Amino acid sequence: MKTQLYRHYDSNKKLLYVGISLSAVNRLAQHRDTSHWFSDIANIEIETFSTREEALLAERKAIVNENPVCNIHHKRTLKEIEQEEKLRAAEFAQKAKQQLFTRYVSYNLTYRFDELPRILGVSKRQIDECVKQGQLYTFETEPRQSRHRKIVMVSGWALIDFLEFLEAKGKKQ
């Protein structure tokens, strides 16, 4: 579908705004009702493109290269967008680690070994195998009453290390 790219200039030939529309004339009427800069428009240029995609690309290039005063949308460069996405990903990873820390350390400094299958959602056999392979470290405590056996425990820190190991292992596969 044919799409128009339009440029609005002020009386000093300063580029105010670049946009696309199926009808630049109809869009101008919308700008009249919603844009604070409408009364500054002295000249309009219109280009017609065969497809909306072509017009979008031309609009993006014009905004980045010609720097219209009133465009807010698309002003960021691709590099800025990528940096923002990396920052968001790093913030998300930090929040996930903080949640992991809070869940496994702040509330529970230790866990009974027999609780791990329920907590981790895996079988006791899988956990036993991880302990045998040195991927999860345990320790024993003396029972409160002498007739009981020693209790196998896992520290919150060991559990965090184990979960990070599983996460890294999952990323490699």
N, C-alpha and C. Protein backbone atom coordinates (compact mmCIF):
# COMPACT_ATOMS: atom_id res chain seq x y z
N MET A 1 0.84 -1.17 0.00
CA MET A 1 0.00 0.00 0.00
C MET A 1 0.89 1.25 0.00
N LYS A 2 0.59 2.18 -0.86
CA LYS A 2 1.39 3.40 -0.96
C LYS A 2 1.29 4.18 0.35
N THR A 3 2.44 4.69 0.78
CA THR A 3 2.53 5.44 2.03
C THR A 3 3.33 6.70 1.78
N GLN A 4 2.90 7.78 2.40
CA GLN A 4 3.56 9.07 2.21
C GLN A 4 4.45 9.41 3.40
N LEU A 5 5.61 9.94 3.07
CA LEU A 5 6.51 10.50 4.07
C LEU A 5 6.40 12.01 3.94
N TYR A 6 6.17 12.69 5.05
CA TYR A 6 6.03 14.15 4.99
C TYR A 6 7.03 14.82 5.93
N ARG A 7 7.44 16.03 5.54
CA ARG A 7 8.32 16.87 6.36
C ARG A 7 7.64 18.21 6.53
N HIS A 8 7.59 18.69 7.76
CA HIS A 8 7.03 20.01 8.06
C HIS A 8 8.18 20.95 8.42
N TYR A 9 8.19 22.11 7.78
CA TYR A 9 9.24 23.12 8.01
C TYR A 9 8.61 24.41 8.54
N ASP A 10 9.39 25.17 9.29
CA ASP A 10 8.91 26.50 9.72
C ASP A 10 9.32 27.54 8.67
N SER A 11 9.05 28.80 8.94
CA SER A 11 9.33 29.87 7.97
C SER A 11 10.82 30.09 7.73
N ASN A 12 11.67 29.62 8.64
CA ASN A 12 13.12 29.71 8.47
C ASN A 12 13.71 28.46 7.83
N LYS A 13 12.85 27.62 7.29
CA LYS A 13 13.22 26.35 6.64
C LYS A 13 13.85 25.35 7.62
N LYS A 14 13.53 25.51 8.90
CA LYS A 14 13.98 24.58 9.93
C LYS A 14 13.00 23.40 9.95
N LEU A 15 13.55 22.19 9.93
CA LEU A 15 12.71 20.99 9.92
C LEU A 15 12.06 20.81 11.28
N LEU A 16 10.74 20.83 11.31
CA LEU A 16 10.00 20.66 12.57
C LEU A 16 9.69 19.20 12.85
N TYR A 17 9.21 18.48 11.79
CA TYR A 17 8.67 17.15 12.04
C TYR A 17 8.73 16.31 10.77
N VAL A 18 9.00 15.02 10.96
CA VAL A 18 8.97 14.05 9.88
C VAL A 18 8.03 12.93 10.30
N GLY A 19 7.16 12.50 9.37
CA GLY A 19 6.23 11.42 9.70
C GLY A 19 5.79 10.69 8.45
N ILE A 20 5.03 9.59 8.67
CA ILE A 20 4.48 8.85 7.55
C ILE A 20 2.98 8.68 7.76
N SER A 21 2.26 8.53 6.64
CA SER A 21 0.82 8.34 6.71
C SER A 21 0.34 7.85 5.35
N LEU A 22 -0.84 7.24 5.34
CA LEU A 22 -1.46 6.89 4.08
C LEU A 22 -1.96 8.15 3.37
N SER A 23 -2.25 9.18 4.17
CA SER A 23 -2.68 10.45 3.62
C SER A 23 -2.05 11.58 4.45
N ALA A 24 -1.05 12.24 3.90
CA ALA A 24 -0.36 13.32 4.60
C ALA A 24 -1.32 14.47 4.89
N VAL A 25 -2.31 14.69 4.02
CA VAL A 25 -3.28 15.76 4.23
C VAL A 25 -4.15 15.46 5.45
N ASN A 26 -4.65 14.24 5.57
CA ASN A 26 -5.45 13.87 6.74
C ASN A 26 -4.61 13.93 8.01
N ARG A 27 -3.38 13.52 7.92
CA ARG A 27 -2.50 13.54 9.09
C ARG A 27 -2.23 14.98 9.52
N LEU A 28 -2.13 15.88 8.56
CA LEU A 28 -1.92 17.30 8.87
C LEU A 28 -3.08 17.82 9.74
N ALA A 29 -4.29 17.41 9.42
CA ALA A 29 -5.46 17.82 10.22
C ALA A 29 -5.34 17.29 11.65
N GLN A 30 -4.82 16.09 11.82
CA GLN A 30 -4.62 15.54 13.17
C GLN A 30 -3.56 16.34 13.93
N HIS A 31 -2.50 16.71 13.24
CA HIS A 31 -1.46 17.53 13.87
C HIS A 31 -2.04 18.88 14.31
N ARG A 32 -2.96 19.43 13.51
CA ARG A 32 -3.59 20.71 13.87
C ARG A 32 -4.25 20.62 15.24
N ASP A 33 -4.87 19.45 15.52
CA ASP A 33 -5.61 19.29 16.77
C ASP A 33 -4.74 18.88 17.96
N THR A 34 -3.56 18.30 17.69
CA THR A 34 -2.79 17.71 18.80
C THR A 34 -1.35 18.21 18.96
N SER A 35 -0.82 18.92 18.00
CA SER A 35 0.60 19.28 18.03
C SER A 35 0.81 20.75 18.36
N HIS A 36 1.63 21.03 19.36
CA HIS A 36 1.88 22.41 19.78
C HIS A 36 2.63 23.20 18.70
N TRP A 37 3.32 22.52 17.83
CA TRP A 37 4.14 23.18 16.81
C TRP A 37 3.40 23.42 15.50
N PHE A 38 2.12 23.04 15.43
CA PHE A 38 1.36 23.13 14.17
C PHE A 38 1.37 24.55 13.59
N SER A 39 1.18 25.55 14.43
CA SER A 39 1.09 26.94 13.94
C SER A 39 2.42 27.44 13.35
N ASP A 40 3.51 26.71 13.61
CA ASP A 40 4.81 27.11 13.06
C ASP A 40 5.06 26.57 11.65
N ILE A 41 4.19 25.68 11.17
CA ILE A 41 4.40 25.07 9.85
C ILE A 41 4.21 26.12 8.76
N ALA A 42 5.25 26.25 7.91
CA ALA A 42 5.19 27.19 6.79
C ALA A 42 5.30 26.46 5.45
N ASN A 43 5.91 25.26 5.47
CA ASN A 43 6.12 24.52 4.23
C ASN A 43 6.03 23.02 4.52
N ILE A 44 5.51 22.27 3.55
CA ILE A 44 5.39 20.82 3.70
C ILE A 44 5.93 20.15 2.44
N GLU A 45 6.76 19.11 2.64
CA GLU A 45 7.23 18.29 1.52
C GLU A 45 6.66 16.89 1.70
N ILE A 46 6.21 16.28 0.61
CA ILE A 46 5.62 14.94 0.67
C ILE A 46 6.29 14.06 -0.37
N GLU A 47 6.71 12.86 0.07
CA GLU A 47 7.26 11.82 -0.82
C GLU A 47 6.34 10.61 -0.72
N THR A 48 6.16 9.91 -1.83
CA THR A 48 5.31 8.72 -1.82
C THR A 48 6.18 7.49 -2.04
N PHE A 49 5.93 6.45 -1.21
CA PHE A 49 6.66 5.18 -1.29
C PHE A 49 5.68 4.06 -1.63
N SER A 50 6.18 3.04 -2.28
CA SER A 50 5.33 1.92 -2.71
C SER A 50 4.78 1.11 -1.54
N THR A 51 5.58 1.01 -0.46
CA THR A 51 5.15 0.20 0.68
C THR A 51 5.34 0.98 1.99
N ARG A 52 4.64 0.55 3.00
CA ARG A 52 4.78 1.15 4.33
C ARG A 52 6.19 0.91 4.86
N GLU A 53 6.74 -0.28 4.61
CA GLU A 53 8.08 -0.62 5.09
C GLU A 53 9.12 0.34 4.53
N GLU A 54 9.02 0.65 3.24
CA GLU A 54 9.95 1.60 2.62
C GLU A 54 9.82 2.98 3.27
N ALA A 55 8.57 3.39 3.51
CA ALA A 55 8.33 4.70 4.14
C ALA A 55 8.86 4.73 5.57
N LEU A 56 8.67 3.64 6.32
CA LEU A 56 9.18 3.57 7.70
C LEU A 56 10.70 3.70 7.72
N LEU A 57 11.36 3.02 6.81
CA LEU A 57 12.82 3.09 6.74
C LEU A 57 13.27 4.51 6.40
N ALA A 58 12.62 5.12 5.44
CA ALA A 58 12.96 6.49 5.05
C ALA A 58 12.69 7.45 6.20
N GLU A 59 11.60 7.25 6.93
CA GLU A 59 11.28 8.10 8.09
C GLU A 59 12.38 7.97 9.14
N ARG A 60 12.77 6.75 9.44
CA ARG A 60 13.81 6.50 10.46
C ARG A 60 15.12 7.20 10.08
N LYS A 61 15.50 7.04 8.81
CA LYS A 61 16.74 7.68 8.34
C LYS A 61 16.63 9.20 8.41
N ALA A 62 15.50 9.74 8.01
CA ALA A 62 15.32 11.19 8.03
C ALA A 62 15.38 11.74 9.45
N ILE A 63 14.76 11.05 10.39
CA ILE A 63 14.77 11.52 11.77
C ILE A 63 16.18 11.49 12.35
N VAL A 64 16.91 10.41 12.09
CA VAL A 64 18.27 10.29 12.60
C VAL A 64 19.21 11.28 11.91
N ASN A 65 19.12 11.39 10.59
CA ASN A 65 20.07 12.22 9.83
C ASN A 65 19.71 13.71 9.80
N GLU A 66 18.41 14.03 9.79
CA GLU A 66 17.99 15.43 9.62
C GLU A 66 17.61 16.09 10.94
N ASN A 67 17.45 15.30 12.00
CA ASN A 67 17.20 15.78 13.36
C ASN A 67 16.07 16.82 13.46
N PRO A 68 14.84 16.43 13.12
CA PRO A 68 13.72 17.37 13.25
C PRO A 68 13.51 17.77 14.71
N VAL A 69 13.13 19.00 14.93
CA VAL A 69 13.03 19.58 16.27
C VAL A 69 11.96 18.88 17.12
N CYS A 70 10.83 18.54 16.54
CA CYS A 70 9.69 18.08 17.33
C CYS A 70 9.46 16.56 17.35
N ASN A 71 10.25 15.80 16.60
CA ASN A 71 10.09 14.35 16.67
C ASN A 71 10.67 13.83 17.97
N ILE A 72 9.92 13.02 18.65
CA ILE A 72 10.41 12.35 19.85
C ILE A 72 10.63 10.89 19.51
N HIS A 73 9.67 10.30 18.84
CA HIS A 73 9.73 8.89 18.44
C HIS A 73 10.88 8.70 17.45
N HIS A 74 11.63 7.67 17.61
CA HIS A 74 12.74 7.27 16.73
C HIS A 74 14.01 8.12 16.89
N LYS A 75 14.07 9.05 17.82
CA LYS A 75 15.26 9.90 17.93
C LYS A 75 16.48 9.12 18.40
N ARG A 76 16.24 8.06 19.18
CA ARG A 76 17.37 7.30 19.69
C ARG A 76 18.05 6.56 18.54
N THR A 77 19.36 6.47 18.61
CA THR A 77 20.09 5.73 17.60
C THR A 77 20.02 4.24 17.92
N LEU A 78 20.37 3.43 16.95
CA LEU A 78 20.37 1.98 17.15
C LEU A 78 21.34 1.61 18.27
N LYS A 79 22.48 2.26 18.33
CA LYS A 79 23.46 1.99 19.39
C LYS A 79 22.88 2.29 20.76
N GLU A 80 22.15 3.40 20.89
CA GLU A 80 21.50 3.75 22.16
C GLU A 80 20.47 2.71 22.56
N ILE A 81 19.70 2.25 21.60
CA ILE A 81 18.68 1.23 21.87
C ILE A 81 19.35 -0.05 22.35
N GLU A 82 20.42 -0.48 21.67
CA GLU A 82 21.15 -1.69 22.07
C GLU A 82 21.72 -1.54 23.48
N GLN A 83 22.27 -0.37 23.80
CA GLN A 83 22.82 -0.13 25.14
C GLN A 83 21.71 -0.20 26.19
N GLU A 84 20.56 0.36 25.89
CA GLU A 84 19.43 0.30 26.83
C GLU A 84 18.98 -1.14 27.06
N GLU A 85 18.96 -1.94 25.98
CA GLU A 85 18.57 -3.34 26.11
C GLU A 85 19.57 -4.11 26.95
N LYS A 86 20.86 -3.86 26.77
CA LYS A 86 21.89 -4.51 27.58
C LYS A 86 21.76 -4.12 29.03
N LEU A 87 21.49 -2.85 29.29
CA LEU A 87 21.31 -2.37 30.66
C LEU A 87 20.09 -3.04 31.30
N ARG A 88 19.00 -3.14 30.56
CA ARG A 88 17.80 -3.81 31.08
C ARG A 88 18.09 -5.27 31.39
N ALA A 89 18.83 -5.95 30.52
CA ALA A 89 19.18 -7.35 30.74
C ALA A 89 20.05 -7.50 31.98
N ALA A 90 21.00 -6.60 32.16
CA ALA A 90 21.87 -6.65 33.34
C ALA A 90 21.06 -6.40 34.61
N GLU A 91 20.12 -5.44 34.55
CA GLU A 91 19.27 -5.17 35.71
C GLU A 91 18.39 -6.37 36.03
N PHE A 92 17.87 -7.02 35.00
CA PHE A 92 17.05 -8.21 35.21
C PHE A 92 17.86 -9.32 35.86
N ALA A 93 19.09 -9.53 35.38
CA ALA A 93 19.96 -10.56 35.96
C ALA A 93 20.27 -10.24 37.42
N GLN A 94 20.52 -8.96 37.71
CA GLN A 94 20.81 -8.56 39.08
C GLN A 94 19.61 -8.80 39.98
N LYS A 95 18.42 -8.48 39.50
CA LYS A 95 17.19 -8.71 40.28
C LYS A 95 16.98 -10.19 40.52
N ALA A 96 17.25 -11.01 39.49
CA ALA A 96 17.08 -12.46 39.63
C ALA A 96 18.04 -13.00 40.68
N LYS A 97 19.29 -12.52 40.67
CA LYS A 97 20.25 -12.96 41.69
C LYS A 97 19.82 -12.51 43.08
N GLN A 98 19.31 -11.29 43.16
CA GLN A 98 18.85 -10.79 44.46
C GLN A 98 17.68 -11.63 44.97
N GLN A 99 16.77 -11.99 44.09
CA GLN A 99 15.64 -12.84 44.49
C GLN A 99 16.15 -14.20 44.94
N LEU A 100 17.13 -14.74 44.22
CA LEU A 100 17.71 -16.02 44.60
C LEU A 100 18.36 -15.91 45.97
N PHE A 101 19.11 -14.86 46.21
CA PHE A 101 19.75 -14.64 47.50
C PHE A 101 18.70 -14.56 48.60
N THR A 102 17.66 -13.77 48.37
CA THR A 102 16.62 -13.60 49.38
C THR A 102 15.92 -14.92 49.67
N ARG A 103 15.62 -15.66 48.64
CA ARG A 103 14.87 -16.91 48.82
C ARG A 103 15.67 -17.96 49.57
N TYR A 104 16.94 -18.11 49.23
CA TYR A 104 17.71 -19.22 49.79
C TYR A 104 18.62 -18.86 50.95
N VAL A 105 18.88 -17.58 51.17
CA VAL A 105 19.80 -17.24 52.24
C VAL A 105 19.11 -16.44 53.34
N SER A 106 18.40 -15.42 53.00
CA SER A 106 17.79 -14.59 54.03
C SER A 106 16.79 -15.36 54.88
N TYR A 107 16.02 -16.21 54.27
CA TYR A 107 15.00 -16.93 55.02
C TYR A 107 15.49 -18.27 55.55
N ASN A 108 16.33 -18.92 54.81
CA ASN A 108 16.84 -20.23 55.22
C ASN A 108 18.35 -20.28 55.03
N LEU A 109 19.05 -20.31 56.14
CA LEU A 109 20.50 -20.42 56.04
C LEU A 109 20.92 -21.85 55.78
N THR A 110 20.09 -22.78 56.18
CA THR A 110 20.37 -24.20 55.93
C THR A 110 19.08 -24.91 55.53
N TYR A 111 19.27 -26.02 54.84
CA TYR A 111 18.15 -26.86 54.41
C TYR A 111 18.47 -28.30 54.76
N ARG A 112 17.45 -29.00 55.17
CA ARG A 112 17.61 -30.44 55.38
C ARG A 112 17.72 -31.08 54.00
N PHE A 113 18.61 -32.03 53.89
CA PHE A 113 18.84 -32.70 52.62
C PHE A 113 17.55 -33.31 52.08
N ASP A 114 16.73 -33.86 52.97
CA ASP A 114 15.50 -34.50 52.51
C ASP A 114 14.44 -33.50 52.02
N GLU A 115 14.67 -32.18 52.22
CA GLU A 115 13.76 -31.14 51.71
C GLU A 115 14.08 -30.74 50.26
N LEU A 116 15.29 -31.03 49.82
CA LEU A 116 15.75 -30.54 48.52
C LEU A 116 14.92 -31.01 47.32
N PRO A 117 14.49 -32.28 47.29
CA PRO A 117 13.68 -32.67 46.12
C PRO A 117 12.44 -31.80 45.95
N ARG A 118 11.78 -31.48 47.05
CA ARG A 118 10.58 -30.63 46.97
C ARG A 118 10.95 -29.20 46.56
N ILE A 119 12.00 -28.67 47.14
CA ILE A 119 12.42 -27.29 46.86
C ILE A 119 12.87 -27.13 45.42
N LEU A 120 13.66 -28.07 44.95
CA LEU A 120 14.23 -27.97 43.61
C LEU A 120 13.38 -28.60 42.52
N GLY A 121 12.40 -29.39 42.91
CA GLY A 121 11.55 -30.05 41.92
C GLY A 121 12.26 -31.15 41.15
N VAL A 122 13.17 -31.85 41.83
CA VAL A 122 13.89 -32.97 41.20
C VAL A 122 13.83 -34.17 42.15
N SER A 123 14.24 -35.32 41.66
CA SER A 123 14.18 -36.52 42.49
C SER A 123 15.35 -36.58 43.47
N LYS A 124 15.16 -37.35 44.54
CA LYS A 124 16.22 -37.56 45.53
C LYS A 124 17.42 -38.21 44.86
N ARG A 125 17.16 -39.11 43.95
CA ARG A 125 18.24 -39.80 43.23
C ARG A 125 19.10 -38.81 42.45
N GLN A 126 18.47 -37.82 41.81
CA GLN A 126 19.24 -36.81 41.06
C GLN A 126 20.11 -35.99 42.01
N ILE A 127 19.57 -35.65 43.15
CA ILE A 127 20.34 -34.87 44.13
C ILE A 127 21.49 -35.71 44.67
N ASP A 128 21.24 -36.98 44.99
CA ASP A 128 22.31 -37.88 45.45
C ASP A 128 23.44 -37.93 44.43
N GLU A 129 23.09 -38.01 43.16
CA GLU A 129 24.09 -38.09 42.10
C GLU A 129 24.92 -36.80 42.05
N CYS A 130 24.28 -35.65 42.22
CA CYS A 130 25.00 -34.37 42.22
C CYS A 130 25.96 -34.29 43.40
N VAL A 131 25.56 -34.81 44.55
CA VAL A 131 26.44 -34.82 45.72
C VAL A 131 27.64 -35.72 45.44
N LYS A 132 27.41 -36.90 44.88
CA LYS A 132 28.50 -37.84 44.56
C LYS A 132 29.49 -37.22 43.58
N GLN A 133 29.00 -36.41 42.63
CA GLN A 133 29.86 -35.79 41.62
C GLN A 133 30.50 -34.50 42.11
N GLY A 134 30.22 -34.11 43.35
CA GLY A 134 30.83 -32.91 43.92
C GLY A 134 30.19 -31.62 43.42
N GLN A 135 28.97 -31.69 42.91
CA GLN A 135 28.29 -30.50 42.41
C GLN A 135 27.44 -29.82 43.49
N LEU A 136 27.16 -30.55 44.57
CA LEU A 136 26.39 -30.00 45.68
C LEU A 136 27.03 -30.49 46.97
N TYR A 137 27.34 -29.56 47.85
CA TYR A 137 28.05 -29.90 49.08
C TYR A 137 27.08 -29.96 50.26
N THR A 138 27.29 -30.97 51.10
CA THR A 138 26.44 -31.17 52.28
C THR A 138 27.32 -31.20 53.53
N PHE A 139 26.66 -31.13 54.68
CA PHE A 139 27.35 -31.34 55.95
C PHE A 139 26.37 -32.04 56.89
N GLU A 140 26.91 -32.59 57.97
CA GLU A 140 26.07 -33.31 58.93
C GLU A 140 26.05 -32.58 60.26
N THR A 141 24.91 -32.66 60.92
CA THR A 141 24.78 -32.09 62.26
C THR A 141 24.42 -33.20 63.23
N GLU A 142 24.77 -32.98 64.46
CA GLU A 142 24.41 -33.93 65.50
C GLU A 142 22.92 -33.78 65.80
N PRO A 143 22.25 -34.88 66.01
CA PRO A 143 20.83 -34.80 66.35
C PRO A 143 20.65 -34.25 67.76
N ARG A 144 19.49 -33.69 67.99
CA ARG A 144 19.20 -33.13 69.32
C ARG A 144 19.04 -34.24 70.35
N GLN A 145 18.54 -35.35 69.91
CA GLN A 145 18.41 -36.49 70.82
C GLN A 145 19.38 -37.57 70.35
N SER A 146 20.10 -38.15 71.23
CA SER A 146 21.19 -39.07 70.88
C SER A 146 20.73 -40.33 70.15
N ARG A 147 19.47 -40.71 70.24
CA ARG A 147 19.03 -41.95 69.57
C ARG A 147 18.80 -41.77 68.06
N HIS A 148 18.86 -40.56 67.59
CA HIS A 148 18.65 -40.31 66.15
C HIS A 148 19.98 -40.27 65.41
N ARG A 149 19.89 -40.48 64.12
CA ARG A 149 21.08 -40.39 63.27
C ARG A 149 21.44 -38.93 63.02
N LYS A 150 22.66 -38.73 62.49
CA LYS A 150 23.08 -37.38 62.11
C LYS A 150 22.17 -36.88 60.99
N ILE A 151 21.99 -35.58 60.95
CA ILE A 151 21.12 -34.98 59.94
C ILE A 151 22.00 -34.38 58.84
N VAL A 152 21.70 -34.73 57.59
CA VAL A 152 22.43 -34.19 56.44
C VAL A 152 21.78 -32.86 56.06
N MET A 153 22.61 -31.85 55.94
CA MET A 153 22.14 -30.49 55.66
C MET A 153 22.87 -29.91 54.46
N VAL A 154 22.30 -28.86 53.90
CA VAL A 154 22.91 -28.09 52.82
C VAL A 154 22.79 -26.63 53.22
N SER A 155 23.89 -25.88 53.12
CA SER A 155 23.82 -24.46 53.45
C SER A 155 23.14 -23.69 52.32
N GLY A 156 22.59 -22.55 52.67
CA GLY A 156 21.97 -21.70 51.65
C GLY A 156 22.97 -21.30 50.59
N TRP A 157 24.22 -21.03 51.00
CA TRP A 157 25.26 -20.66 50.04
C TRP A 157 25.58 -21.81 49.09
N ALA A 158 25.66 -23.03 49.63
CA ALA A 158 25.93 -24.18 48.77
C ALA A 158 24.80 -24.37 47.77
N LEU A 159 23.57 -24.11 48.21
CA LEU A 159 22.44 -24.25 47.31
C LEU A 159 22.50 -23.19 46.20
N ILE A 160 22.89 -21.98 46.55
CA ILE A 160 23.04 -20.93 45.53
C ILE A 160 24.11 -21.34 44.52
N ASP A 161 25.25 -21.79 45.02
CA ASP A 161 26.32 -22.24 44.11
C ASP A 161 25.83 -23.35 43.20
N PHE A 162 25.06 -24.27 43.76
CA PHE A 162 24.53 -25.38 42.97
C PHE A 162 23.56 -24.87 41.90
N LEU A 163 22.68 -23.96 42.24
CA LEU A 163 21.73 -23.42 41.27
C LEU A 163 22.45 -22.65 40.16
N GLU A 164 23.48 -21.90 40.51
CA GLU A 164 24.27 -21.20 39.49
C GLU A 164 24.99 -22.20 38.59
N PHE A 165 25.46 -23.30 39.17
CA PHE A 165 26.09 -24.36 38.38
C PHE A 165 25.08 -24.92 37.38
N LEU A 166 23.86 -25.22 37.86
CA LEU A 166 22.83 -25.77 36.98
C LEU A 166 22.47 -24.78 35.87
N GLU A 167 22.41 -23.49 36.21
CA GLU A 167 22.08 -22.46 35.23
C GLU A 167 23.17 -22.40 34.16
N ALA A 168 24.43 -22.41 34.58
CA ALA A 168 25.54 -22.38 33.62
C ALA A 168 25.55 -23.62 32.76
N LYS A 169 25.27 -24.76 33.36
CA LYS A 169 25.21 -26.03 32.62
C LYS A 169 24.10 -25.99 31.58
N GLY A 170 22.94 -25.42 31.97
CA GLY A 170 21.82 -25.31 31.04
C GLY A 170 22.11 -24.41 29.86
N LYS A 171 22.90 -23.34 30.07
CA LYS A 171 23.25 -22.42 29.00
C LYS A 171 24.20 -23.08 28.01
N LYS A 172 25.03 -24.00 28.49
CA LYS A 172 26.00 -24.66 27.62
C LYS A 172 25.32 -25.71 26.72
N GLN A 173 24.21 -26.24 27.17
CA GLN A 173 23.54 -27.30 26.40
C GLN A 173 22.67 -26.76 25.32
